[in-house]
Amino acid sequence: MKKFLALLLSLAMALSLAACGGNDTTTDDTTDDTTEEGSSSVKIGLICIHDQNSGYDAAHIDGLTAACEALGIDASDPEQVMMRYNIPEDETCEDAAIDLAEAGCNIIFSDSYGHQTYMLSAAEQYPAVTFVACTGDQAGVAGLDNFKNLFTNVYESRYVSGVVAGMKLKELMDAGTVTDPYVGYVGAFPYAEVVSGYTAFLLGIQSIVPEAHMDVQYTNSWYDPPAESEAANILMARGCVIIGQHADSTGAPSAVQAEYEAGKTVFSVGYNIDMLSVAPDAALTSAQNNWSVLYQDTLEKFIAGEEVPSNYAAGIAEDAVMISALGPNCAEGTQEAVDAAWSAIKDGSLQVFDTSKFTVGGQPVESYEVDFSIVDFATGNVIFEGPTENVIVDGAFQESTFRAAPYFDLRIDGITELNNN
């Protein structure tokens, strides 16, 4: 029924929202007053897979709120900024997107990868509304002017969080407390986004402790506190002394803190939020996204009537990623090591996926072609045809360059996936 209503209302929306539009051209006499009028007339929707209790969703909610504040938009006004929580990755998302469009939103964001299919469907029905699927990968090949993707280069902050872990690992080994540089990682799914992140994490560790190796335990969920806790316990039982994560709850750090309090030498590197509240002794740092940068830049362009890029990725250079405060048990010299890595990534002298730093199957990777077609995970069918590109350029795998969403799916030596089946 909502799809039918959307089709009937599409033309009306196109006419009524044209004055607010994000991709319409502007005249030469545009003034600051016009921009202020745009800020007051824009209506924003945000669809979240969970709510503020999820660190991942909290980062999006807080990011959009901060962006609105910077632009003079009252994020607390439910008539101007409309948020929908606990929206699953199914047709519920399409219904939510249509509801927001019918409520007058002229730019609608979603925060989870699985939302994008339904956001794309809504975009087809509402050509005058801009739909932005954060962490999505279809905008560049879908052929819709009003469908966009945003992503952070979080692999950069994961690398730096790996430097923090590496410094602690080196301290433990130098003291003789640990003899095997064995780390673990709680991953959500065996997708490129997760593979990119845990590979960057290990490479950061190996920049300090070259012989470090890592096991990955998947939970097959973005947010499942008990499963994340169980995965961390599996890894610690195998002897892993530092546990990283790409999963959205505090389950893993909480499990690590419990083992630390029981007398085990274990530490945690989290994701999304500062984990010191749940792991005051075990937490070393967390890799984080600063989504406000991407939200603000996108909204500024939209309000000004400028082109909103189909694919937009930002990282350390744009202050779009960060790490949280260092925990009390970080090794001496960690801040200096972090600062050095951060500066090197920012000025381009350090490439996270420098191919001289890893091998695959014992062999160097001199070229690697990625097919950017979009494939249905369930059926294997191609949804959208995309180009094939060699992503090794100037001796490094160029992540999030040909497309905002990560596509690093190499399994480098030194990493073992325990349950990818």
Protein backbone atom coordinates (compact mmCIF):
# COMPACT_ATOMS: atom_id res chain seq x y z
CA MET A 1 0.00 0.00 0.00
CA LYS A 2 2.82 2.39 0.87
CA LYS A 3 4.52 1.74 -2.46
CA PHE A 4 1.24 2.59 -4.23
CA LEU A 5 0.86 5.80 -2.24
CA ALA A 6 4.46 6.67 -2.97
CA LEU A 7 3.87 6.43 -6.70
CA LEU A 8 0.80 8.67 -6.47
CA LEU A 9 2.60 11.25 -4.38
CA SER A 10 5.90 11.24 -6.25
CA LEU A 11 4.98 14.00 -8.70
CA ALA A 12 3.53 16.16 -5.96
CA MET A 13 6.69 15.74 -3.91
CA ALA A 14 8.82 16.68 -6.91
CA LEU A 15 6.94 19.95 -7.28
CA SER A 16 6.64 20.86 -3.62
CA LEU A 17 10.23 20.03 -2.66
CA ALA A 18 12.02 21.52 -5.65
CA ALA A 19 12.76 24.72 -3.75
CA CYS A 20 14.51 22.73 -1.02
CA GLY A 21 16.34 20.34 -3.33
CA GLY A 22 19.92 19.14 -2.90
CA ASN A 23 20.94 18.69 -6.52
CA ASP A 24 19.13 21.62 -8.16
CA THR A 25 21.32 24.31 -9.71
CA THR A 26 21.41 27.69 -7.98
CA THR A 27 21.50 31.14 -9.49
CA ASP A 28 24.45 33.49 -9.28
CA ASP A 29 22.67 35.79 -6.82
CA THR A 30 22.53 33.16 -4.06
CA THR A 31 23.26 34.86 -0.73
CA ASP A 32 23.89 33.87 2.85
CA ASP A 33 20.21 34.65 3.47
CA THR A 34 19.30 32.05 0.86
CA THR A 35 21.54 29.52 2.60
CA GLU A 36 19.88 30.31 5.92
CA GLU A 37 16.50 29.82 4.30
CA GLY A 38 17.75 26.49 2.97
CA SER A 39 18.83 25.41 6.44
CA SER A 40 15.43 26.25 7.85
CA SER A 41 13.50 24.56 5.05
CA VAL A 42 15.51 21.35 4.79
CA LYS A 43 13.86 18.37 6.46
CA ILE A 44 16.12 15.50 7.38
CA GLY A 45 15.36 11.85 8.07
CA LEU A 46 17.65 9.27 9.68
CA ILE A 47 16.91 5.53 9.71
CA CYS A 48 18.90 3.56 12.32
CA ILE A 49 19.22 -0.21 12.54
CA HIS A 50 19.28 0.04 16.34
CA ASP A 51 19.09 2.98 18.73
CA GLN A 52 21.28 5.09 21.00
CA ASN A 53 22.14 2.00 23.06
CA SER A 54 24.21 0.67 20.15
CA GLY A 55 27.59 2.38 19.92
CA TYR A 56 27.42 2.28 16.14
CA ASP A 57 24.02 3.93 15.93
CA ALA A 58 24.94 6.40 18.66
CA ALA A 59 27.86 7.54 16.50
CA HIS A 60 25.44 8.26 13.63
CA ILE A 61 22.83 9.93 15.83
CA ASP A 62 25.43 12.09 17.55
CA GLY A 63 27.14 12.81 14.22
CA LEU A 64 23.96 14.04 12.56
CA THR A 65 23.05 16.06 15.66
CA ALA A 66 26.47 17.75 15.68
CA ALA A 67 26.26 18.48 11.95
CA CYS A 68 22.84 20.05 12.39
CA GLU A 69 24.07 22.18 15.27
CA ALA A 70 26.99 23.43 13.14
CA LEU A 71 24.56 24.38 10.37
CA GLY A 72 22.04 26.10 12.62
CA ILE A 73 19.49 23.30 12.34
CA ASP A 74 17.56 22.33 15.46
CA ALA A 75 18.03 18.56 15.65
CA SER A 76 15.57 18.41 18.55
CA ASP A 77 12.75 19.73 16.35
CA PRO A 78 10.83 16.62 15.25
CA GLU A 79 9.36 18.57 12.35
CA GLN A 80 12.80 19.24 10.88
CA VAL A 81 14.89 16.23 11.93
CA MET A 82 13.05 12.92 12.08
CA MET A 83 14.76 9.81 13.40
CA ARG A 84 13.49 6.25 13.12
CA TYR A 85 15.06 3.64 15.41
CA ASN A 86 15.34 -0.16 15.37
CA ILE A 87 14.58 -0.45 11.66
CA PRO A 88 15.66 -3.89 10.37
CA GLU A 89 17.30 -4.58 7.01
CA ASP A 90 14.08 -5.58 5.27
CA GLU A 91 10.98 -3.94 3.76
CA THR A 92 10.43 -2.19 7.07
CA CYS A 93 13.24 0.11 5.97
CA GLU A 94 11.48 0.94 2.70
CA ASP A 95 8.28 1.69 4.61
CA ALA A 96 10.23 3.95 6.98
CA ALA A 97 11.90 5.76 4.09
CA ILE A 98 8.54 6.30 2.37
CA ASP A 99 6.99 7.51 5.63
CA LEU A 100 9.78 10.06 5.99
CA ALA A 101 9.38 11.22 2.40
CA GLU A 102 5.62 11.56 2.88
CA ALA A 103 6.31 13.54 6.07
CA GLY A 104 8.21 16.08 3.99
CA CYS A 105 11.84 15.01 4.38
CA ASN A 106 13.87 16.03 1.36
CA ILE A 107 17.06 14.23 2.38
CA ILE A 108 16.97 10.86 4.13
CA PHE A 109 19.93 8.94 5.56
CA SER A 110 20.17 5.30 6.63
CA ASP A 111 23.02 3.93 8.73
CA SER A 112 23.31 0.22 7.89
CA TYR A 113 24.59 -1.61 4.83
CA GLY A 114 21.51 -3.82 4.54
CA HIS A 115 19.21 -0.80 4.38
CA GLN A 116 20.44 0.30 0.99
CA THR A 117 18.34 -2.05 -1.18
CA TYR A 118 15.21 -0.59 0.38
CA MET A 119 16.54 2.97 0.28
CA LEU A 120 17.22 2.48 -3.42
CA SER A 121 13.65 1.32 -3.99
CA ALA A 122 12.34 4.40 -2.18
CA ALA A 123 14.68 6.60 -4.22
CA GLU A 124 13.16 5.24 -7.43
CA GLN A 125 9.72 6.24 -6.19
CA TYR A 126 10.72 9.70 -4.92
CA PRO A 127 13.09 11.25 -7.49
CA ALA A 128 12.88 14.69 -5.82
CA VAL A 129 14.15 13.35 -2.49
CA THR A 130 17.83 12.55 -1.90
CA PHE A 131 18.46 9.18 -0.24
CA VAL A 132 21.86 8.56 1.34
CA ALA A 133 22.74 5.00 2.34
CA CYS A 134 25.69 5.22 4.72
CA THR A 135 28.10 2.28 4.34
CA GLY A 136 26.40 1.27 1.07
CA ASP A 137 28.10 0.35 -2.19
CA GLN A 138 25.50 0.61 -4.96
CA ALA A 139 25.24 4.35 -5.66
CA GLY A 140 28.04 4.43 -8.21
CA VAL A 141 26.43 1.80 -10.42
CA ALA A 142 22.70 2.11 -9.67
CA GLY A 143 22.18 4.97 -12.12
CA LEU A 144 20.00 7.15 -9.87
CA ASP A 145 20.93 10.81 -9.38
CA ASN A 146 19.15 10.96 -6.01
CA PHE A 147 20.81 7.90 -4.43
CA LYS A 148 24.14 8.36 -2.61
CA ASN A 149 26.64 6.44 -0.46
CA LEU A 150 28.79 7.70 2.42
CA PHE A 151 31.61 5.87 4.20
CA THR A 152 34.47 6.70 6.53
CA ASN A 153 38.00 5.45 5.94
CA VAL A 154 37.80 3.74 9.31
CA TYR A 155 40.51 1.30 8.24
CA GLU A 156 42.91 4.19 8.91
CA SER A 157 41.88 4.55 12.55
CA ARG A 158 41.88 0.76 12.87
CA TYR A 159 45.52 0.77 11.76
CA VAL A 160 46.35 3.36 14.41
CA SER A 161 44.43 1.40 17.05
CA GLY A 162 46.61 -1.53 15.98
CA VAL A 163 49.68 0.59 16.74
CA VAL A 164 48.29 1.06 20.26
CA ALA A 165 47.82 -2.71 20.57
CA GLY A 166 51.28 -3.34 19.12
CA MET A 167 52.92 -1.10 21.69
CA LYS A 168 51.20 -3.02 24.50
CA LEU A 169 52.11 -6.35 22.95
CA LYS A 170 55.75 -5.30 22.68
CA GLU A 171 55.76 -4.19 26.31
CA LEU A 172 54.36 -7.57 27.42
CA MET A 173 56.90 -9.46 25.33
CA ASP A 174 59.83 -7.33 26.47
CA ALA A 175 58.82 -8.05 30.07
CA GLY A 176 58.57 -11.79 29.38
CA THR A 177 54.90 -11.79 30.37
CA VAL A 178 53.92 -12.95 26.89
CA THR A 179 56.00 -15.09 24.55
CA ASP A 180 53.56 -15.59 21.68
CA PRO A 181 52.36 -12.36 19.97
CA TYR A 182 48.90 -13.80 19.47
CA VAL A 183 45.91 -11.50 19.08
CA GLY A 184 42.24 -12.08 18.32
CA TYR A 185 39.46 -10.23 16.56
CA VAL A 186 35.70 -10.40 16.96
CA GLY A 187 34.22 -9.77 13.52
CA ALA A 188 30.59 -9.38 12.52
CA PHE A 189 30.60 -10.94 9.03
CA PRO A 190 33.27 -12.07 6.55
CA TYR A 191 32.51 -9.04 4.37
CA ALA A 192 35.10 -6.77 2.77
CA GLU A 193 34.30 -4.01 5.28
CA VAL A 194 35.26 -6.29 8.17
CA VAL A 195 38.21 -7.89 6.36
CA SER A 196 39.58 -4.45 5.50
CA GLY A 197 39.30 -3.39 9.13
CA TYR A 198 40.90 -6.40 10.78
CA THR A 199 43.69 -6.48 8.20
CA ALA A 200 44.49 -2.82 8.90
CA PHE A 201 44.40 -3.59 12.64
CA LEU A 202 46.94 -6.41 12.30
CA LEU A 203 49.18 -4.36 10.01
CA GLY A 204 49.21 -1.63 12.66
CA ILE A 205 50.23 -4.20 15.26
CA GLN A 206 52.89 -5.65 12.95
CA SER A 207 54.40 -2.20 12.46
CA ILE A 208 55.50 -2.60 16.09
CA VAL A 209 55.65 -6.42 16.47
CA PRO A 210 56.30 -7.88 12.98
CA GLU A 211 55.77 -11.49 14.05
CA ALA A 212 52.27 -10.87 15.46
CA HIS A 213 49.50 -13.15 14.18
CA MET A 214 45.74 -13.08 14.60
CA ASP A 215 42.63 -15.28 14.71
CA VAL A 216 39.20 -13.98 13.72
CA GLN A 217 35.94 -15.26 15.20
CA TYR A 218 32.74 -14.15 13.45
CA THR A 219 29.40 -13.56 15.18
CA ASN A 220 27.31 -13.29 11.96
CA SER A 221 25.58 -10.24 13.40
CA TRP A 222 26.41 -6.55 13.58
CA TYR A 223 25.03 -6.32 17.11
CA ASP A 224 24.74 -9.30 19.42
CA PRO A 225 26.26 -8.70 22.87
CA PRO A 226 26.14 -12.35 24.04
CA ALA A 227 27.64 -13.62 20.76
CA GLU A 228 30.37 -10.98 20.89
CA SER A 229 31.19 -11.90 24.47
CA GLU A 230 31.30 -15.59 23.54
CA ALA A 231 33.56 -14.89 20.56
CA ALA A 232 35.97 -12.95 22.78
CA ASN A 233 36.01 -15.81 25.29
CA ILE A 234 36.77 -18.32 22.52
CA LEU A 235 39.71 -16.22 21.38
CA MET A 236 41.06 -15.70 24.90
CA ALA A 237 40.76 -19.43 25.61
CA ARG A 238 42.99 -20.02 22.58
CA GLY A 239 45.63 -17.74 24.06
CA CYS A 240 44.94 -14.38 22.42
CA VAL A 241 46.17 -11.56 24.65
CA ILE A 242 44.61 -8.60 22.85
CA ILE A 243 41.09 -8.68 21.40
CA GLY A 244 40.02 -6.24 18.69
CA GLN A 245 36.53 -5.98 17.31
CA HIS A 246 34.28 -5.01 14.43
CA ALA A 247 30.98 -5.58 16.18
CA ASP A 248 28.74 -2.93 17.61
CA SER A 249 28.24 -3.71 21.28
CA THR A 250 30.30 -3.70 24.46
CA GLY A 251 30.11 -7.50 24.67
CA ALA A 252 33.73 -8.21 23.76
CA PRO A 253 35.38 -5.54 25.97
CA SER A 254 33.17 -6.57 28.90
CA ALA A 255 34.29 -10.19 28.50
CA VAL A 256 37.93 -9.11 28.33
CA GLN A 257 37.55 -6.99 31.47
CA ALA A 258 36.07 -9.97 33.32
CA GLU A 259 39.07 -12.13 32.39
CA TYR A 260 41.45 -9.33 33.35
CA GLU A 261 39.82 -9.10 36.77
CA ALA A 262 40.20 -12.89 37.08
CA GLY A 263 43.96 -12.44 36.73
CA LYS A 264 44.46 -13.10 33.02
CA THR A 265 46.79 -10.97 30.90
CA VAL A 266 44.31 -9.73 28.30
CA PHE A 267 43.43 -6.36 26.81
CA SER A 268 40.81 -4.93 24.49
CA VAL A 269 40.68 -2.58 21.51
CA GLY A 270 37.10 -1.53 20.87
CA TYR A 271 35.03 0.08 18.15
CA ASN A 272 32.61 3.00 17.86
CA ILE A 273 32.76 4.27 21.44
CA ASP A 274 35.21 4.67 24.29
CA MET A 275 35.08 1.34 26.14
CA LEU A 276 36.64 2.52 29.41
CA SER A 277 33.22 2.59 31.06
CA VAL A 278 32.86 -1.18 30.64
CA ALA A 279 36.54 -2.15 30.58
CA PRO A 280 38.35 0.40 32.77
CA ASP A 281 41.48 -1.74 33.07
CA ALA A 282 41.44 -3.79 29.88
CA ALA A 283 40.49 -1.16 27.29
CA LEU A 284 43.46 0.31 25.43
CA THR A 285 41.54 2.45 22.92
CA SER A 286 38.76 2.22 20.32
CA ALA A 287 38.72 2.92 16.60
CA GLN A 288 36.01 5.50 16.00
CA ASN A 289 34.17 7.32 13.23
CA ASN A 290 33.43 11.02 13.29
CA TRP A 291 30.26 10.87 11.21
CA SER A 292 29.54 14.55 11.82
CA VAL A 293 32.14 15.45 9.17
CA LEU A 294 30.36 13.48 6.45
CA TYR A 295 26.88 14.52 7.53
CA GLN A 296 27.83 18.18 7.69
CA ASP A 297 29.60 18.21 4.32
CA THR A 298 26.70 16.39 2.66
CA LEU A 299 24.09 18.69 4.18
CA GLU A 300 26.08 21.82 3.29
CA LYS A 301 26.18 20.76 -0.35
CA PHE A 302 22.53 19.76 -0.31
CA ILE A 303 21.36 23.04 1.21
CA ALA A 304 23.49 25.08 -1.20
CA GLY A 305 22.06 23.19 -4.16
CA GLU A 306 25.46 21.74 -5.05
CA GLU A 307 26.06 18.24 -6.36
CA VAL A 308 26.15 15.64 -3.59
CA PRO A 309 28.74 13.03 -4.63
CA SER A 310 27.42 9.54 -5.33
CA ASN A 311 30.38 8.10 -3.40
CA TYR A 312 31.98 10.07 -0.61
CA ALA A 313 34.64 8.68 1.73
CA ALA A 314 36.66 10.62 4.30
CA GLY A 315 39.28 9.63 6.84
CA ILE A 316 42.19 10.98 8.87
CA ALA A 317 42.92 13.81 6.43
CA GLU A 318 39.39 15.14 6.89
CA ASP A 319 39.15 14.37 10.64
CA ALA A 320 36.38 11.88 9.85
CA VAL A 321 37.94 9.08 11.91
CA MET A 322 39.69 9.00 15.27
CA ILE A 323 40.66 6.82 18.20
CA SER A 324 39.34 7.20 21.73
CA ALA A 325 41.35 8.24 24.77
CA LEU A 326 44.19 5.89 25.65
CA GLY A 327 43.47 3.58 28.57
CA PRO A 328 45.52 3.59 31.79
CA ASN A 329 47.32 0.37 30.89
CA CYS A 330 48.68 1.51 27.54
CA ALA A 331 52.43 1.10 27.15
CA GLU A 332 54.83 3.96 27.69
CA GLY A 333 55.46 5.81 24.44
CA THR A 334 52.11 4.89 22.93
CA GLN A 335 50.96 8.47 22.37
CA GLU A 336 54.16 9.27 20.49
CA ALA A 337 53.73 6.17 18.30
CA VAL A 338 50.11 7.13 17.62
CA ASP A 339 51.07 10.68 16.69
CA ALA A 340 53.74 9.46 14.28
CA ALA A 341 51.41 7.00 12.53
CA TRP A 342 48.59 9.54 12.41
CA SER A 343 50.79 12.20 10.82
CA ALA A 344 52.23 9.75 8.30
CA ILE A 345 48.79 8.60 7.16
CA LYS A 346 47.62 12.20 6.97
CA ASP A 347 50.52 13.36 4.79
CA GLY A 348 50.41 10.23 2.63
CA SER A 349 53.85 8.91 3.54
CA LEU A 350 52.25 5.83 5.15
CA GLN A 351 49.88 3.72 3.06
CA VAL A 352 47.87 1.39 5.30
CA PHE A 353 47.80 -1.40 2.70
CA ASP A 354 51.38 -1.03 1.48
CA THR A 355 51.89 -4.28 -0.44
CA SER A 356 55.50 -4.57 0.74
CA LYS A 357 54.13 -5.19 4.24
CA PHE A 358 52.09 -8.33 3.57
CA THR A 359 51.86 -11.46 1.45
CA VAL A 360 49.02 -13.72 0.36
CA GLY A 361 49.76 -17.43 0.19
CA GLY A 362 53.42 -16.62 0.68
CA GLN A 363 53.51 -14.43 -2.42
CA PRO A 364 53.64 -10.65 -2.85
CA VAL A 365 50.59 -8.96 -4.32
CA GLU A 366 51.67 -6.91 -7.33
CA SER A 367 48.25 -6.46 -8.93
CA TYR A 368 44.70 -7.23 -7.92
CA GLU A 369 41.56 -6.71 -9.95
CA VAL A 370 38.27 -5.95 -8.23
CA ASP A 371 34.95 -6.36 -10.01
CA PHE A 372 32.74 -3.51 -8.82
CA SER A 373 29.54 -5.16 -9.97
CA ILE A 374 26.97 -5.59 -7.22
CA VAL A 375 26.09 -9.21 -6.49
CA ASP A 376 23.16 -10.53 -4.48
CA PHE A 377 24.72 -12.40 -1.53
CA ALA A 378 21.85 -14.89 -1.38
CA THR A 379 21.63 -15.85 -5.06
CA GLY A 380 24.99 -14.86 -6.50
CA ASN A 381 23.19 -12.97 -9.27
CA VAL A 382 24.59 -9.68 -10.54
CA ILE A 383 22.26 -6.80 -9.61
CA PHE A 384 24.26 -3.98 -11.20
CA GLU A 385 27.13 -4.30 -13.66
CA GLY A 386 30.24 -2.39 -12.62
CA PRO A 387 33.75 -1.90 -13.95
CA THR A 388 36.74 -4.08 -13.11
CA GLU A 389 39.77 -2.16 -11.84
CA ASN A 390 43.32 -2.96 -10.78
CA VAL A 391 43.36 -1.52 -7.26
CA ILE A 392 47.10 -1.87 -6.63
CA VAL A 393 48.53 1.54 -7.47
CA ASP A 394 51.98 2.86 -6.52
CA GLY A 395 52.71 -0.19 -4.38
CA ALA A 396 49.57 -0.07 -2.26
CA PHE A 397 46.04 -1.43 -2.28
CA GLN A 398 43.99 1.73 -2.80
CA GLU A 399 41.07 1.16 -0.45
CA SER A 400 37.92 3.31 -0.73
CA THR A 401 39.32 5.16 -3.74
CA PHE A 402 37.45 3.55 -6.63
CA ARG A 403 34.33 3.38 -4.43
CA ALA A 404 33.55 4.73 -0.97
CA ALA A 405 32.64 1.34 0.52
CA PRO A 406 35.57 -0.96 1.35
CA TYR A 407 36.50 -3.68 -1.13
CA PHE A 408 39.68 -5.08 0.46
CA ASP A 409 38.91 -8.81 0.57
CA LEU A 410 42.39 -10.32 0.46
CA ARG A 411 43.20 -12.82 3.21
CA ILE A 412 46.77 -11.96 4.07
CA ASP A 413 49.24 -14.32 5.71
CA GLY A 414 49.19 -14.21 9.50
CA ILE A 415 45.40 -14.15 9.84
CA THR A 416 43.23 -17.23 10.42
CA GLU A 417 39.43 -17.13 10.18
CA LEU A 418 38.15 -19.67 12.69
CA ASN A 419 34.55 -19.96 11.53
CA ASN A 420 34.15 -18.58 8.00
CA ASN A 421 31.94 -21.31 6.59
